[in-house]
Every structure is written in structure tokens, then in C-alpha cells.
Amino acid sequence: QVQLVESGGGLVQPGGSLRLSCAASGIIFSIYDMGWYRQAPGRQRELVAITTSGLRTTYADSVKGRFTISRDNAQSVGYLQMNSLKPEDTAVYYCNLLLGAKFNYWGQGTQVTVSS
């Protein structure tokens, strides 16, 4: 059974940092593309960043230069380092693993709130 468990969310002041983790089990982590998405209230889920199985990375324009996605294939864990957080980064953040069109897995989400 495939499980993705996110952690690391919380309340942080503007300008602060958080690191999200996504621990995967029941899956060959290294062959999947891994992405972080977020969904704010009343808005559609959007891509934040993705790292492919070949370790190419892509970022949403809104987070470039502030967020860093990484992965530890040996530990089956993915990370999202978020720096210089802004109130508009407030959302539920989701981890996603994707392999082709057939294998698509989501975590349960972790809340990130940026507020003073």
C-alpha cells in the first residue's frame, strides 16, 4: 500500500522559513517525479515545484528564488525548503508522486500559515 505523509507545516511570521517533508512508503520512490502543490481557500490547487526522477527541477514563478525542492531517494523522502515566506504562501501543501498516466499518489496535506 502506497503512503505519502507530509509534515513540517505550521504557523510562521512573514519572512520566516519552514521545511516540509514527504515520507513515502510502499513505492519505489526514485522512479517517480515528485511535486509539491498547494491549495489556498477558494482557489484551485497549483503546482509549487517539481523534481523529476532525473533530478530536473521546475518552480512556479511565485516561489522562484525562495523555495527549494529536493529529494533523498535512499530514504524515500522529499523536501520543500521555504524561505522568505509571504502571507500569500498560506495554503495546504500537498506532496505528489507521479509515474506516467497511471500512477499518481497524493499525501494528506499539511497546513502552512504565514501571518504576523
Protein backbone atom coordinates (compact mmCIF):
# COMPACT_ATOMS: atom_id res chain seq x y z
CA GLN A 1 0.00 0.00 0.00
CA VAL A 2 1.37 3.37 -1.03
CA GLN A 3 1.51 6.06 1.64
CA LEU A 4 2.73 9.64 1.49
CA VAL A 5 2.96 11.50 4.76
CA GLU A 6 3.69 15.21 4.82
CA SER A 7 5.00 17.04 7.85
CA GLY A 8 6.62 20.34 8.76
CA GLY A 9 3.77 22.75 8.27
CA GLY A 10 2.74 25.33 10.82
CA LEU A 11 2.37 28.98 11.63
CA VAL A 12 5.25 31.28 10.73
CA GLN A 13 5.72 35.04 10.53
CA PRO A 14 6.28 36.77 7.20
CA GLY A 15 9.92 36.45 6.21
CA GLY A 16 10.29 33.20 8.10
CA SER A 17 11.16 29.71 6.92
CA LEU A 18 9.71 26.22 7.03
CA ARG A 19 10.83 22.89 5.65
CA LEU A 20 8.19 20.44 4.55
CA SER A 21 8.88 16.72 4.35
CA CYS A 22 7.13 13.99 2.40
CA ALA A 23 7.87 10.45 3.53
CA ALA A 24 6.88 7.75 1.06
CA SER A 25 6.37 4.05 1.68
CA GLY A 26 5.21 1.10 -0.39
CA ILE A 27 6.72 2.58 -3.53
CA ILE A 28 9.98 2.74 -5.48
CA PHE A 29 10.44 6.41 -4.73
CA SER A 30 13.35 7.07 -7.06
CA ILE A 31 11.48 6.33 -10.28
CA TYR A 32 8.71 8.82 -9.62
CA ASP A 33 8.53 12.51 -10.36
CA MET A 34 7.85 14.30 -7.09
CA GLY A 35 5.95 17.53 -6.80
CA TRP A 36 4.66 19.91 -4.19
CA TYR A 37 1.31 21.56 -4.77
CA ARG A 38 -0.71 23.96 -2.69
CA GLN A 39 -4.31 24.98 -2.36
CA ALA A 40 -5.48 28.15 -0.69
CA PRO A 41 -9.11 28.64 0.39
CA GLY A 42 -11.35 29.36 -2.58
CA ARG A 43 -8.58 28.68 -5.09
CA GLN A 44 -7.57 25.79 -7.29
CA ARG A 45 -4.68 23.54 -6.41
CA GLU A 46 -1.50 24.81 -8.05
CA LEU A 47 1.95 23.45 -8.71
CA VAL A 48 4.65 24.86 -6.47
CA ALA A 49 7.67 22.84 -7.55
CA ILE A 50 8.57 19.52 -9.09
CA THR A 51 11.66 17.37 -9.27
CA THR A 52 11.74 14.60 -11.82
CA SER A 53 13.23 11.15 -11.43
CA GLY A 54 16.14 12.55 -13.43
CA LEU A 55 16.51 15.37 -10.87
CA ARG A 56 15.37 18.19 -13.09
CA THR A 57 13.51 20.87 -11.13
CA THR A 58 10.82 23.34 -12.05
CA TYR A 59 9.32 26.08 -9.90
CA ALA A 60 6.27 28.27 -10.05
CA ASP A 61 7.25 31.86 -10.79
CA SER A 62 5.77 32.94 -7.47
CA VAL A 63 8.26 30.88 -5.46
CA LYS A 64 11.43 31.04 -7.59
CA GLY A 65 14.41 32.10 -5.54
CA ARG A 66 12.59 31.45 -2.26
CA PHE A 67 11.68 27.75 -2.30
CA THR A 68 13.91 24.75 -2.95
CA ILE A 69 12.68 21.26 -3.73
CA SER A 70 14.91 18.27 -3.05
CA ARG A 71 14.71 14.54 -2.56
CA ASP A 72 16.58 11.76 -0.78
CA ASN A 73 15.93 8.65 -2.84
CA ALA A 74 17.77 6.41 -0.39
CA GLN A 75 15.37 7.44 2.38
CA SER A 76 12.30 7.84 0.14
CA VAL A 77 11.77 11.38 1.39
CA GLY A 78 11.11 14.61 -0.43
CA TYR A 79 11.54 18.12 0.89
CA LEU A 80 10.41 21.63 0.23
CA GLN A 81 12.53 24.32 1.87
CA MET A 82 10.54 27.54 2.02
CA ASN A 83 12.31 30.80 2.82
CA SER A 84 11.18 34.42 2.85
CA LEU A 85 7.61 33.30 3.33
CA LYS A 86 4.79 35.68 2.47
CA PRO A 87 1.16 35.76 3.59
CA GLU A 88 0.16 34.72 0.08
CA ASP A 89 2.04 31.45 0.59
CA THR A 90 -0.64 30.43 3.10
CA ALA A 91 -2.24 27.20 1.88
CA VAL A 92 -2.46 23.48 2.40
CA TYR A 93 0.61 21.92 0.81
CA TYR A 94 0.41 18.51 -0.81
CA CYS A 95 3.08 16.07 -1.89
CA ASN A 96 2.55 14.21 -5.17
CA LEU A 97 4.30 11.28 -6.80
CA LEU A 98 3.69 10.67 -10.50
CA LEU A 99 4.77 7.94 -12.89
CA GLY A 100 3.25 8.18 -16.33
CA ALA A 101 -0.51 8.47 -16.57
CA LYS A 102 -1.36 5.52 -14.38
CA PHE A 103 0.42 6.01 -11.09
CA ASN A 104 -0.48 9.21 -9.30
CA TYR A 105 -0.36 9.47 -5.50
CA TRP A 106 -1.16 12.30 -3.09
CA GLY A 107 -0.43 12.92 0.55
CA GLN A 108 -2.99 14.19 3.02
CA GLY A 109 -1.64 17.73 3.06
CA THR A 110 -0.04 19.96 5.64
CA GLN A 111 -1.22 23.46 6.55
CA VAL A 112 1.17 26.38 6.16
CA THR A 113 0.02 29.70 7.59
CA VAL A 114 2.09 32.85 7.16
CA SER A 115 0.85 35.59 9.43
CA SER A 116 2.06 38.12 11.95
